[in-house]
N, C-alpha and C. Protein backbone atom coordinates (compact mmCIF):
# COMPACT_ATOMS: atom_id res chain seq x y z
N MET A 1 -32.60 -258.66 114.37
CA MET A 1 -34.03 -258.29 114.20
C MET A 1 -33.35 -256.44 113.42
N ASP A 2 -32.04 -256.35 114.03
CA ASP A 2 -31.02 -255.06 114.01
C ASP A 2 -30.75 -255.27 112.47
N ILE A 3 -30.35 -256.69 112.30
CA ILE A 3 -29.55 -256.64 110.59
C ILE A 3 -30.66 -256.34 109.70
N LEU A 4 -31.68 -257.23 109.69
CA LEU A 4 -33.15 -256.69 109.05
C LEU A 4 -33.41 -255.47 108.81
N PHE A 5 -33.24 -254.59 109.86
CA PHE A 5 -33.84 -253.77 110.00
C PHE A 5 -32.59 -252.58 109.11
N ASN A 6 -30.76 -252.87 109.65
CA ASN A 6 -30.16 -252.24 108.61
C ASN A 6 -30.19 -252.73 107.52
N LEU A 7 -30.18 -253.67 107.08
CA LEU A 7 -30.43 -254.15 105.89
C LEU A 7 -31.86 -253.52 104.82
N LEU A 8 -32.95 -253.77 105.17
CA LEU A 8 -34.09 -252.64 104.71
C LEU A 8 -33.57 -251.43 104.72
N SER A 9 -33.11 -251.11 105.46
CA SER A 9 -32.84 -249.27 105.29
C SER A 9 -31.74 -248.94 104.59
N THR A 10 -30.63 -249.87 104.35
CA THR A 10 -29.77 -249.28 103.51
C THR A 10 -30.34 -249.43 102.13
N LEU A 11 -31.06 -250.55 101.57
CA LEU A 11 -31.52 -250.67 100.10
C LEU A 11 -32.37 -249.70 99.91
N LEU A 12 -33.67 -249.07 101.43
CA LEU A 12 -34.41 -248.25 100.73
C LEU A 12 -33.68 -247.08 100.25
N ARG A 13 -32.24 -246.63 100.79
CA ARG A 13 -31.58 -245.65 100.81
C ARG A 13 -30.76 -245.58 99.65
N PHE A 14 -30.45 -246.78 99.12
CA PHE A 14 -30.00 -246.92 97.95
C PHE A 14 -30.30 -246.94 96.77
N TYR A 15 -31.68 -247.24 97.21
CA TYR A 15 -32.83 -247.39 95.73
C TYR A 15 -33.10 -245.25 95.39
N SER A 16 -33.20 -244.57 96.47
CA SER A 16 -33.31 -243.59 96.66
C SER A 16 -32.38 -242.72 95.57
N TYR A 17 -31.08 -243.28 95.92
CA TYR A 17 -30.17 -243.12 95.28
C TYR A 17 -29.99 -243.23 93.89
N ALA A 18 -30.64 -244.37 93.85
CA ALA A 18 -30.36 -244.63 92.00
C ALA A 18 -31.39 -243.85 91.08
N ILE A 19 -32.80 -243.79 91.67
CA ILE A 19 -33.07 -242.33 91.28
C ILE A 19 -33.16 -241.47 91.29
N ILE A 20 -32.55 -240.64 92.11
CA ILE A 20 -31.77 -239.22 91.94
C ILE A 20 -30.81 -239.73 90.69
N VAL A 21 -29.75 -240.73 90.74
CA VAL A 21 -29.09 -240.83 89.39
C VAL A 21 -29.48 -240.79 88.46
N TYR A 22 -30.49 -241.49 88.39
CA TYR A 22 -31.65 -241.74 87.04
C TYR A 22 -31.84 -240.51 86.47
N ILE A 23 -32.32 -240.09 87.31
CA ILE A 23 -32.85 -238.37 86.85
C ILE A 23 -32.03 -237.23 86.53
N LEU A 24 -31.10 -237.63 87.28
CA LEU A 24 -29.86 -236.68 86.84
C LEU A 24 -29.34 -236.92 85.29
N LEU A 25 -29.55 -238.05 85.05
CA LEU A 25 -29.26 -238.71 83.29
C LEU A 25 -29.39 -237.91 82.89
N SER A 26 -30.91 -237.50 82.90
CA SER A 26 -31.48 -236.73 82.05
C SER A 26 -31.05 -235.79 81.40
N TRP A 27 -30.20 -234.81 82.23
CA TRP A 27 -29.47 -233.87 82.08
C TRP A 27 -28.23 -233.75 80.95
N PHE A 28 -28.09 -235.12 80.84
CA PHE A 28 -26.82 -235.58 79.66
C PHE A 28 -27.11 -236.15 78.09
N PRO A 29 -26.86 -235.80 77.43
CA PRO A 29 -27.38 -236.29 76.04
C PRO A 29 -26.86 -237.73 75.99
N GLY A 30 -27.92 -238.40 75.67
CA GLY A 30 -27.76 -240.10 75.90
C GLY A 30 -26.99 -240.60 76.58
N ALA A 31 -26.74 -240.38 77.92
CA ALA A 31 -26.93 -240.95 79.11
C ALA A 31 -27.88 -241.90 79.32
N ARG A 32 -28.71 -241.68 79.19
CA ARG A 32 -29.69 -242.76 79.82
C ARG A 32 -30.03 -244.27 78.69
N GLU A 33 -29.13 -243.44 77.62
CA GLU A 33 -29.34 -244.81 76.58
C GLU A 33 -28.28 -245.81 76.63
N SER A 34 -27.05 -245.22 77.77
CA SER A 34 -25.92 -245.86 78.26
C SER A 34 -26.42 -247.40 78.31
N GLY A 35 -25.42 -248.54 79.04
CA GLY A 35 -25.62 -249.62 79.46
C GLY A 35 -26.07 -249.34 81.14
N PHE A 36 -25.56 -248.38 81.44
CA PHE A 36 -25.65 -248.24 83.30
C PHE A 36 -27.10 -247.23 82.95
N GLY A 37 -27.27 -246.27 82.53
CA GLY A 37 -28.73 -245.73 82.05
C GLY A 37 -29.82 -246.85 82.15
N GLN A 38 -29.31 -247.62 80.92
CA GLN A 38 -30.61 -248.68 80.65
C GLN A 38 -30.85 -249.75 82.00
N PHE A 39 -29.83 -249.72 82.59
CA PHE A 39 -29.92 -250.74 83.92
C PHE A 39 -31.00 -250.00 84.93
N LEU A 40 -30.29 -248.66 85.30
CA LEU A 40 -31.00 -247.64 86.26
C LEU A 40 -32.51 -247.69 85.92
N ALA A 41 -32.66 -247.82 84.46
CA ALA A 41 -34.41 -247.70 84.08
C ALA A 41 -34.76 -248.80 84.76
N ARG A 42 -34.28 -250.10 84.07
CA ARG A 42 -34.88 -251.24 84.81
C ARG A 42 -35.46 -251.03 86.09
N ILE A 43 -34.58 -250.67 86.96
CA ILE A 43 -34.96 -250.83 88.32
C ILE A 43 -35.72 -249.60 88.96
N THR A 44 -35.63 -248.31 88.24
CA THR A 44 -36.64 -247.43 88.69
C THR A 44 -38.06 -246.99 87.97
N GLU A 45 -37.80 -247.17 87.24
CA GLU A 45 -38.85 -246.67 86.11
C GLU A 45 -40.41 -247.90 86.51
N PRO A 46 -40.36 -249.07 86.97
CA PRO A 46 -41.59 -249.58 87.59
C PRO A 46 -41.90 -249.10 88.80
N TYR A 47 -41.31 -248.52 89.56
CA TYR A 47 -41.80 -247.77 90.96
C TYR A 47 -41.91 -246.35 90.34
N LEU A 48 -41.39 -245.38 89.47
CA LEU A 48 -41.68 -244.27 88.94
C LEU A 48 -42.99 -243.85 88.69
N GLU A 49 -43.14 -245.07 87.66
CA GLU A 49 -44.40 -245.04 86.69
C GLU A 49 -45.90 -244.77 87.06
N PRO A 50 -46.26 -245.25 88.33
CA PRO A 50 -47.35 -245.12 89.14
C PRO A 50 -47.32 -243.48 89.32
N PHE A 51 -46.34 -242.78 89.68
CA PHE A 51 -46.24 -241.50 90.35
C PHE A 51 -46.33 -240.83 89.23
N ARG A 52 -46.11 -240.94 88.01
CA ARG A 52 -45.78 -240.26 86.32
C ARG A 52 -47.49 -240.17 86.33
N LYS A 53 -48.17 -241.21 86.34
CA LYS A 53 -49.39 -241.26 85.99
C LYS A 53 -50.44 -240.36 87.19
N ILE A 54 -50.21 -240.50 87.92
CA ILE A 54 -50.90 -239.57 88.98
C ILE A 54 -50.42 -238.00 88.88
N ILE A 55 -48.98 -237.45 89.12
CA ILE A 55 -48.87 -236.27 88.96
C ILE A 55 -48.05 -236.12 87.61
N PRO A 56 -49.14 -234.97 86.74
CA PRO A 56 -48.37 -234.46 85.89
C PRO A 56 -46.90 -233.54 85.81
N PRO A 57 -46.29 -233.56 84.93
CA PRO A 57 -45.54 -232.80 84.68
C PRO A 57 -46.08 -231.22 85.19
N LEU A 58 -45.16 -230.13 85.68
CA LEU A 58 -45.48 -228.76 85.31
C LEU A 58 -44.69 -228.29 84.56
N GLY A 59 -44.88 -227.77 83.42
CA GLY A 59 -44.33 -227.66 82.11
C GLY A 59 -43.16 -228.46 81.73
N MET A 60 -41.51 -228.12 81.68
CA MET A 60 -41.09 -229.30 81.35
C MET A 60 -40.06 -229.93 82.69
N ILE A 61 -40.46 -229.91 83.84
CA ILE A 61 -40.26 -230.21 84.90
C ILE A 61 -41.13 -231.25 85.36
N ASP A 62 -40.63 -232.42 85.84
CA ASP A 62 -41.01 -233.66 86.33
C ASP A 62 -40.85 -233.85 87.65
N ILE A 63 -42.04 -233.70 88.69
CA ILE A 63 -41.80 -233.84 90.40
C ILE A 63 -42.13 -234.72 90.74
N SER A 64 -42.42 -236.03 89.83
CA SER A 64 -42.81 -237.07 90.49
C SER A 64 -41.96 -237.66 91.26
N PRO A 65 -40.73 -237.81 90.45
CA PRO A 65 -39.86 -238.44 91.21
C PRO A 65 -39.40 -237.73 92.73
N ILE A 66 -39.38 -236.65 93.19
CA ILE A 66 -39.16 -236.23 94.35
C ILE A 66 -40.62 -236.96 95.03
N VAL A 67 -41.65 -236.97 94.47
CA VAL A 67 -42.79 -237.68 95.25
C VAL A 67 -42.31 -239.25 95.80
N ALA A 68 -41.61 -239.61 94.63
CA ALA A 68 -41.62 -241.24 94.87
C ALA A 68 -40.52 -241.48 95.91
N ILE A 69 -39.34 -240.10 95.90
CA ILE A 69 -38.13 -240.02 96.86
C ILE A 69 -38.98 -240.15 98.64
N LEU A 70 -39.63 -239.35 98.19
CA LEU A 70 -40.80 -239.11 99.97
C LEU A 70 -41.25 -240.16 99.87
N ALA A 71 -41.96 -240.72 99.45
CA ALA A 71 -42.90 -241.98 99.86
C ALA A 71 -41.64 -243.38 100.16
N LEU A 72 -40.40 -243.04 99.40
CA LEU A 72 -39.54 -244.40 99.91
C LEU A 72 -38.98 -243.97 101.70
N ASN A 73 -38.79 -242.03 101.49
CA ASN A 73 -38.30 -242.22 103.11
C ASN A 73 -39.54 -242.07 103.91
N PHE A 74 -40.36 -241.91 103.97
CA PHE A 74 -42.26 -242.11 104.72
C PHE A 74 -41.71 -244.01 104.72
N ALA A 75 -41.65 -244.45 104.01
CA ALA A 75 -41.63 -246.28 103.75
C ALA A 75 -40.43 -246.51 105.25
N GLN A 76 -39.56 -245.82 104.88
CA GLN A 76 -38.10 -246.01 106.08
C GLN A 76 -38.35 -245.96 107.19
N TYR A 77 -39.44 -244.98 107.52
CA TYR A 77 -39.61 -244.13 108.91
C TYR A 77 -41.08 -245.39 109.24
N GLY A 78 -41.58 -245.54 108.47
CA GLY A 78 -42.81 -246.84 108.76
C GLY A 78 -41.81 -247.69 109.04
N ILE A 79 -41.19 -248.82 108.47
CA ILE A 79 -40.29 -249.74 108.63
C ILE A 79 -39.42 -249.23 110.21
N ALA A 80 -38.97 -247.98 110.46
CA ALA A 80 -38.13 -248.12 111.46
C ALA A 80 -39.22 -248.26 112.97
N ALA A 81 -40.73 -247.38 112.69
CA ALA A 81 -41.52 -247.17 113.47
C ALA A 81 -41.46 -248.97 114.07
N LEU A 82 -42.13 -249.80 112.86
CA LEU A 82 -42.24 -251.13 113.21
C LEU A 82 -40.98 -252.01 113.60
N PHE A 83 -40.18 -251.83 113.58
CA PHE A 83 -38.95 -252.44 113.88
C PHE A 83 -38.73 -251.76 115.70
N LYS A 84 -39.27 -250.92 115.75
CA LYS A 84 -39.04 -250.24 117.42
C LYS A 84 -40.07 -251.13 118.14
N MET A 85 -41.37 -250.72 118.01
CA MET A 85 -42.39 -251.81 118.43
C MET A 85 -42.00 -253.24 118.42
N ILE A 86 -41.65 -254.13 117.92
CA ILE A 86 -40.90 -255.15 118.08
C ILE A 86 -40.23 -255.38 119.01
N SER A 87 -39.43 -254.55 118.97
CA SER A 87 -37.89 -254.64 119.76
C SER A 87 -38.18 -254.68 121.09
């Protein structure tokens, strides 16, 4: 069970990092159009899209990725609690 928990926890952490890197790419002109940027878009946009529909941007600042990362952290805490109850 510990291996499964560690795997899920690691995957959620790396996904959070992928979202952060994808958002930082917006600071560099043309970075999102690179192969790496397009790869990150394919894996992060499906998750970020529902948050962007709910949370409007504040001027030029899009805070929906912050909420999305917080949701991933809550999911990680929930998975930890479930595995603690099972063990």
